[in-house]
């Protein structure tokens, strides 16, 4: 019942945001703008988005390095399937599916792989806030038109996000660099829980902290963090190219503001950020840069399609090759690698030929099954 209620809320939220997005648009004019958009710039935007996914995979490989060497292909496959799941289903389930799927293929600890996703999201948030800070420091005075209250709200949101992400990252770094302290806290918690749950929670936390291993290596950690900037600058380039394709005079620095707005938009837990992404992008273009509504609506639709369409289609193809359906993806993400209980395995994954479990890489799901995660 609770799941159906949550789904209903997501549907209502999506419809409301899309209604807000299309409230002043002339759909015939929007279609005309899409038909006459410059194809070369649309292709350039798609190229920038593709590069951003490559950079994201490379960064994840570096975050995973302390727990196991993972090739580009399996990391890319898990990333694309995860993004496809997030694009189709509500609740950000793809973020949970991605580490569990990679862990099954590469025989890593799923809990440790999950920790790298937490680090990844924190690095994303910090990089976005820093780039937005560059915009506020050097380019906000050149805005053609904006409501000062809107800019103040964005500054406050950016500051809160920066403080929150920085605090969380600091706690994770401390946890990674002080395993004895973590073990002591876990031991205290374990004594206060029933034996079964206490032992399971202890195993999960210790495996999870192993995934923070890169935080104990400042040089490697900063190099991994540095990959966040080309990633998000590629997102900015894609937004700028689409705007230029639609004849919208967006200055290059303005894409930093749009990037922040898009991040806020996709934070709404609708599939692929539908509605939130569109409304935030349109508001930024029309409210700050005075773009025509119909051109802004067309640009938002095209940019969203480029950002989520190809990766979703590719993810569905790879899911089919893995023997994975969206229903079994939900089972895998929510049960932490356990079988679905319907007599079938959620994912038909086998180790590469000639490769068996290795003592240094626990088979994914063992600690999660015990923890009931």
Foldseek 3Di string as FASTA:
>chain_A
DVVVVVVVVLVVLLVVLVCVLCVPADVVLLVVLLVQFDPVLLVLLLVLLVVLLQLLLVLLQLLQVLFHRDDSVLSSLLLLLLLLLLQPDFDSLSLLLSLLSSCQAVLFASLLSSLSSVVSVLLLLQLLLVLLVVCVVPPPVPFPFADVVVVVVLVVVSVVSNVVSVVVVVVLLVCLQCVVVVLVVLVVVLVVDPVLQSVLVSLSVVSNSSSNNCSNPVVSVVVSSVSSNSSLLSVLSSLVSLCVSSVQPQPSSLSSVLSSQQVQQLVSRHNLSNSSNSSSQQCSRCRTRNDDSSSSNSSSVSSSCSNRVVSNVVSVVSCVVFVADSVLSSQCSQQQLDANPPPDRRTNHDYPPPDDRDPSHHRYPPSSNSNRD
